[in-house]
């Protein structure tokens, strides 16, 4: 990709595109997603997001989710409290 590619203005007619309804969009050139596709698919997580992934047991996640919408903040607070409580032990 050249610098000119990055500086060019899109020639897409956004007004015309936005005026189309879902029924008028032609999806015929998009291949179906088959089981074979998903067997070989690879999940790619951007590096800046990957460091935030934590594997939780399903029942642990369910318990926190049952505590309310802010369950992720609650998990963070519980972990922070654990750290503070156990700092002296190290």
N, C-alpha and C. Protein backbone atom coordinates (compact mmCIF):
# COMPACT_ATOMS: atom_id res chain seq x y z
N UNK A 1 0.85 -1.18 0.00
CA UNK A 1 0.00 0.00 0.00
C UNK A 1 0.89 1.23 0.00
N UNK A 2 0.59 2.13 -0.88
CA UNK A 2 1.41 3.33 -0.99
C UNK A 2 0.80 4.47 -0.18
N UNK A 3 1.58 5.52 -0.02
CA UNK A 3 1.11 6.71 0.69
C UNK A 3 -0.12 7.30 -0.01
N UNK A 4 -0.14 7.24 -1.35
CA UNK A 4 -1.29 7.74 -2.11
C UNK A 4 -2.58 6.99 -1.75
N UNK A 5 -2.45 5.68 -1.51
CA UNK A 5 -3.62 4.90 -1.13
C UNK A 5 -4.20 5.41 0.18
N UNK A 6 -3.35 5.79 1.10
CA UNK A 6 -3.80 6.26 2.41
C UNK A 6 -4.41 7.64 2.34
N UNK A 7 -3.98 8.43 1.39
CA UNK A 7 -4.47 9.81 1.29
C UNK A 7 -5.68 9.97 0.38
N UNK A 8 -6.03 8.92 -0.36
CA UNK A 8 -7.15 9.06 -1.30
C UNK A 8 -8.47 9.11 -0.55
N UNK A 9 -9.40 9.82 -1.13
CA UNK A 9 -10.73 9.97 -0.55
C UNK A 9 -11.63 8.86 -1.08
N UNK A 10 -12.44 8.33 -0.22
CA UNK A 10 -13.36 7.28 -0.63
C UNK A 10 -14.34 7.81 -1.66
N UNK A 11 -14.60 7.02 -2.67
CA UNK A 11 -15.57 7.40 -3.69
C UNK A 11 -16.91 6.71 -3.44
N UNK A 12 -17.06 6.14 -2.26
CA UNK A 12 -18.30 5.47 -1.91
C UNK A 12 -19.41 6.50 -1.76
N UNK A 13 -20.55 6.22 -2.33
CA UNK A 13 -21.72 7.08 -2.19
C UNK A 13 -22.44 6.64 -0.91
N UNK A 14 -22.02 7.19 0.21
CA UNK A 14 -22.55 6.78 1.51
C UNK A 14 -24.03 7.04 1.64
N UNK A 15 -24.53 8.13 1.09
CA UNK A 15 -25.97 8.44 1.17
C UNK A 15 -26.78 7.36 0.47
N UNK A 16 -26.32 6.94 -0.70
CA UNK A 16 -27.04 5.90 -1.44
C UNK A 16 -26.97 4.57 -0.68
N UNK A 17 -25.82 4.29 -0.11
CA UNK A 17 -25.66 3.05 0.64
C UNK A 17 -26.55 3.02 1.88
N UNK A 18 -26.60 4.13 2.60
CA UNK A 18 -27.42 4.19 3.81
C UNK A 18 -28.91 4.17 3.51
N UNK A 19 -29.29 4.56 2.31
CA UNK A 19 -30.71 4.58 1.96
C UNK A 19 -31.24 3.18 1.63
N UNK A 20 -30.35 2.23 1.41
CA UNK A 20 -30.77 0.87 1.08
C UNK A 20 -31.25 0.15 2.34
N UNK A 21 -32.27 -0.66 2.17
CA UNK A 21 -32.73 -1.47 3.29
C UNK A 21 -32.02 -2.82 3.25
N UNK A 22 -32.09 -3.57 4.33
CA UNK A 22 -31.44 -4.88 4.40
C UNK A 22 -31.92 -5.80 3.28
N UNK A 23 -33.20 -5.70 2.91
CA UNK A 23 -33.75 -6.59 1.89
C UNK A 23 -33.13 -6.33 0.51
N UNK A 24 -32.62 -5.13 0.28
CA UNK A 24 -32.08 -4.76 -1.02
C UNK A 24 -30.59 -5.02 -1.17
N UNK A 25 -29.96 -5.57 -0.16
CA UNK A 25 -28.52 -5.83 -0.23
C UNK A 25 -28.30 -7.23 -0.79
N UNK A 26 -27.46 -7.33 -1.79
CA UNK A 26 -27.18 -8.60 -2.45
C UNK A 26 -26.03 -9.30 -1.73
N UNK A 27 -26.34 -10.39 -1.06
CA UNK A 27 -25.34 -11.17 -0.33
C UNK A 27 -24.90 -12.40 -1.13
N UNK A 28 -25.33 -12.52 -2.37
CA UNK A 28 -25.10 -13.75 -3.14
C UNK A 28 -23.62 -14.05 -3.39
N UNK A 29 -22.76 -13.05 -3.34
CA UNK A 29 -21.34 -13.29 -3.60
C UNK A 29 -20.56 -13.65 -2.34
N UNK A 30 -21.25 -13.73 -1.21
CA UNK A 30 -20.60 -14.09 0.05
C UNK A 30 -20.79 -15.59 0.27
N UNK A 31 -19.71 -16.35 0.37
CA UNK A 31 -19.85 -17.80 0.54
C UNK A 31 -20.46 -18.12 1.91
N UNK A 32 -21.19 -19.22 2.01
CA UNK A 32 -21.78 -19.60 3.29
C UNK A 32 -20.69 -20.01 4.28
N UNK A 33 -20.96 -19.80 5.56
CA UNK A 33 -20.02 -20.22 6.60
C UNK A 33 -20.35 -21.66 6.99
N UNK A 34 -19.52 -22.56 6.54
CA UNK A 34 -19.76 -23.99 6.75
C UNK A 34 -19.04 -24.48 8.00
N UNK A 35 -19.33 -25.72 8.38
CA UNK A 35 -18.63 -26.33 9.51
C UNK A 35 -17.13 -26.39 9.23
N UNK A 36 -16.77 -26.65 7.97
CA UNK A 36 -15.35 -26.70 7.59
C UNK A 36 -14.67 -25.36 7.85
N UNK A 37 -15.37 -24.26 7.56
CA UNK A 37 -14.81 -22.94 7.82
C UNK A 37 -14.49 -22.79 9.30
N UNK A 38 -15.43 -23.16 10.17
CA UNK A 38 -15.23 -22.98 11.60
C UNK A 38 -14.19 -23.95 12.18
N UNK A 39 -13.99 -25.10 11.52
CA UNK A 39 -12.96 -26.03 11.96
C UNK A 39 -11.56 -25.46 11.78
N UNK A 40 -11.39 -24.62 10.76
CA UNK A 40 -10.07 -24.06 10.48
C UNK A 40 -9.95 -22.59 10.89
N UNK A 41 -11.03 -22.01 11.38
CA UNK A 41 -11.01 -20.59 11.75
C UNK A 41 -10.10 -20.37 12.95
N UNK A 42 -9.48 -19.22 12.98
CA UNK A 42 -8.58 -18.85 14.06
C UNK A 42 -9.06 -17.54 14.67
N UNK A 43 -9.22 -17.54 15.99
CA UNK A 43 -9.59 -16.32 16.69
C UNK A 43 -8.34 -15.47 16.88
N UNK A 44 -8.38 -14.27 16.38
CA UNK A 44 -7.24 -13.35 16.52
C UNK A 44 -7.67 -12.19 17.40
N UNK A 45 -6.95 -12.04 18.50
CA UNK A 45 -7.26 -10.98 19.46
C UNK A 45 -6.13 -9.96 19.38
N UNK A 46 -6.47 -8.69 19.19
CA UNK A 46 -5.43 -7.66 19.13
C UNK A 46 -4.57 -7.68 20.40
N UNK A 47 -3.26 -7.52 20.26
CA UNK A 47 -2.37 -7.59 21.43
C UNK A 47 -2.77 -6.66 22.57
N UNK A 48 -3.29 -5.47 22.24
CA UNK A 48 -3.65 -4.53 23.30
C UNK A 48 -4.86 -5.02 24.10
N UNK A 49 -5.61 -5.98 23.57
CA UNK A 49 -6.75 -6.54 24.31
C UNK A 49 -6.40 -7.88 24.94
N UNK A 50 -5.45 -8.58 24.37
CA UNK A 50 -5.13 -9.93 24.83
C UNK A 50 -4.65 -9.96 26.28
N UNK A 51 -3.98 -8.91 26.73
CA UNK A 51 -3.47 -8.92 28.10
C UNK A 51 -4.58 -8.82 29.13
N UNK A 52 -5.81 -8.52 28.72
CA UNK A 52 -6.93 -8.40 29.64
C UNK A 52 -7.74 -9.68 29.76
N UNK A 53 -7.35 -10.74 29.08
CA UNK A 53 -8.11 -11.98 29.12
C UNK A 53 -7.79 -12.79 30.37
N UNK A 54 -8.84 -13.24 31.04
CA UNK A 54 -8.68 -14.08 32.22
C UNK A 54 -9.63 -15.25 32.06
N UNK A 55 -9.14 -16.47 32.26
CA UNK A 55 -9.98 -17.66 32.16
C UNK A 55 -10.66 -17.88 33.51
N UNK A 56 -11.99 -17.83 33.50
CA UNK A 56 -12.78 -18.07 34.70
C UNK A 56 -13.57 -19.35 34.55
N UNK A 57 -13.73 -20.08 35.65
CA UNK A 57 -14.63 -21.23 35.62
C UNK A 57 -16.04 -20.71 35.36
N UNK A 58 -16.84 -21.45 34.60
CA UNK A 58 -18.19 -20.97 34.27
C UNK A 58 -19.03 -20.63 35.49
N UNK A 59 -18.94 -21.44 36.54
CA UNK A 59 -19.76 -21.17 37.73
C UNK A 59 -19.29 -19.92 38.48
N UNK A 60 -18.00 -19.61 38.40
CA UNK A 60 -17.49 -18.39 39.02
C UNK A 60 -18.03 -17.17 38.27
N UNK A 61 -17.94 -17.23 36.95
CA UNK A 61 -18.45 -16.12 36.14
C UNK A 61 -19.95 -15.94 36.35
N UNK A 62 -20.70 -17.04 36.38
CA UNK A 62 -22.14 -16.96 36.59
C UNK A 62 -22.47 -16.31 37.93
N UNK A 63 -21.71 -16.65 38.98
CA UNK A 63 -21.98 -16.08 40.29
C UNK A 63 -21.77 -14.56 40.26
N UNK A 64 -20.66 -14.14 39.68
CA UNK A 64 -20.40 -12.70 39.60
C UNK A 64 -21.44 -11.99 38.74
N UNK A 65 -21.83 -12.60 37.61
CA UNK A 65 -22.85 -11.99 36.75
C UNK A 65 -24.18 -11.85 37.49
N UNK A 66 -24.48 -12.79 38.37
CA UNK A 66 -25.73 -12.73 39.14
C UNK A 66 -25.73 -11.58 40.14
N UNK A 67 -24.56 -11.00 40.40
CA UNK A 67 -24.46 -9.90 41.36
C UNK A 67 -24.86 -8.56 40.74
N UNK A 68 -24.97 -8.50 39.42
CA UNK A 68 -25.40 -7.27 38.77
C UNK A 68 -24.58 -6.95 37.53
N UNK A 69 -25.01 -5.87 36.87
CA UNK A 69 -24.39 -5.46 35.60
C UNK A 69 -22.91 -5.14 35.73
N UNK A 70 -22.49 -4.63 36.83
CA UNK A 70 -21.09 -4.22 37.02
C UNK A 70 -20.23 -5.38 37.55
N UNK A 71 -20.54 -6.60 37.11
CA UNK A 71 -19.83 -7.76 37.64
C UNK A 71 -18.33 -7.72 37.35
N UNK A 72 -17.93 -7.14 36.22
CA UNK A 72 -16.49 -7.09 35.91
C UNK A 72 -15.76 -6.17 36.88
N UNK A 73 -16.40 -5.08 37.26
CA UNK A 73 -15.81 -4.18 38.26
C UNK A 73 -15.73 -4.90 39.59
N UNK A 74 -16.75 -5.68 39.91
CA UNK A 74 -16.75 -6.44 41.17
C UNK A 74 -15.60 -7.45 41.19
N UNK A 75 -15.40 -8.15 40.09
CA UNK A 75 -14.28 -9.10 40.00
C UNK A 75 -12.96 -8.37 40.23
N UNK A 76 -12.79 -7.22 39.60
CA UNK A 76 -11.57 -6.43 39.78
C UNK A 76 -11.39 -6.02 41.24
N UNK A 77 -12.48 -5.58 41.88
CA UNK A 77 -12.40 -5.15 43.29
C UNK A 77 -12.06 -6.31 44.21
N UNK A 78 -12.63 -7.48 43.94
CA UNK A 78 -12.33 -8.66 44.76
C UNK A 78 -10.85 -9.04 44.61
N UNK A 79 -10.36 -9.02 43.40
CA UNK A 79 -8.95 -9.35 43.18
C UNK A 79 -8.02 -8.32 43.81
N UNK A 80 -8.39 -7.05 43.71
CA UNK A 80 -7.59 -5.99 44.33
C UNK A 80 -7.55 -6.16 45.85
N UNK A 81 -8.71 -6.48 46.44
CA UNK A 81 -8.77 -6.70 47.89
C UNK A 81 -7.91 -7.91 48.29
N UNK A 82 -7.93 -8.95 47.47
CA UNK A 82 -7.09 -10.12 47.75
C UNK A 82 -5.61 -9.73 47.74
N UNK A 83 -5.22 -8.93 46.77
CA UNK A 83 -3.82 -8.47 46.69
C UNK A 83 -3.44 -7.70 47.94
N UNK A 84 -4.29 -6.74 48.32
CA UNK A 84 -4.01 -5.91 49.50
C UNK A 84 -3.92 -6.76 50.76
N UNK A 85 -4.80 -7.72 50.88
CA UNK A 85 -4.82 -8.59 52.07
C UNK A 85 -3.58 -9.47 52.14
N UNK A 86 -3.07 -9.87 51.00
CA UNK A 86 -1.97 -10.81 50.96
C UNK A 86 -0.61 -10.18 50.69
N UNK A 87 -0.53 -8.87 50.65
CA UNK A 87 0.78 -8.22 50.44
C UNK A 87 1.76 -8.55 51.55
N UNK A 88 1.30 -8.54 52.77
CA UNK A 88 2.17 -8.79 53.91
C UNK A 88 2.65 -10.24 53.96
N UNK A 89 1.91 -11.15 53.37
CA UNK A 89 2.26 -12.55 53.39
C UNK A 89 3.45 -12.87 52.51
N UNK A 90 3.83 -11.97 51.64
CA UNK A 90 4.95 -12.25 50.72
C UNK A 90 6.19 -11.67 51.26
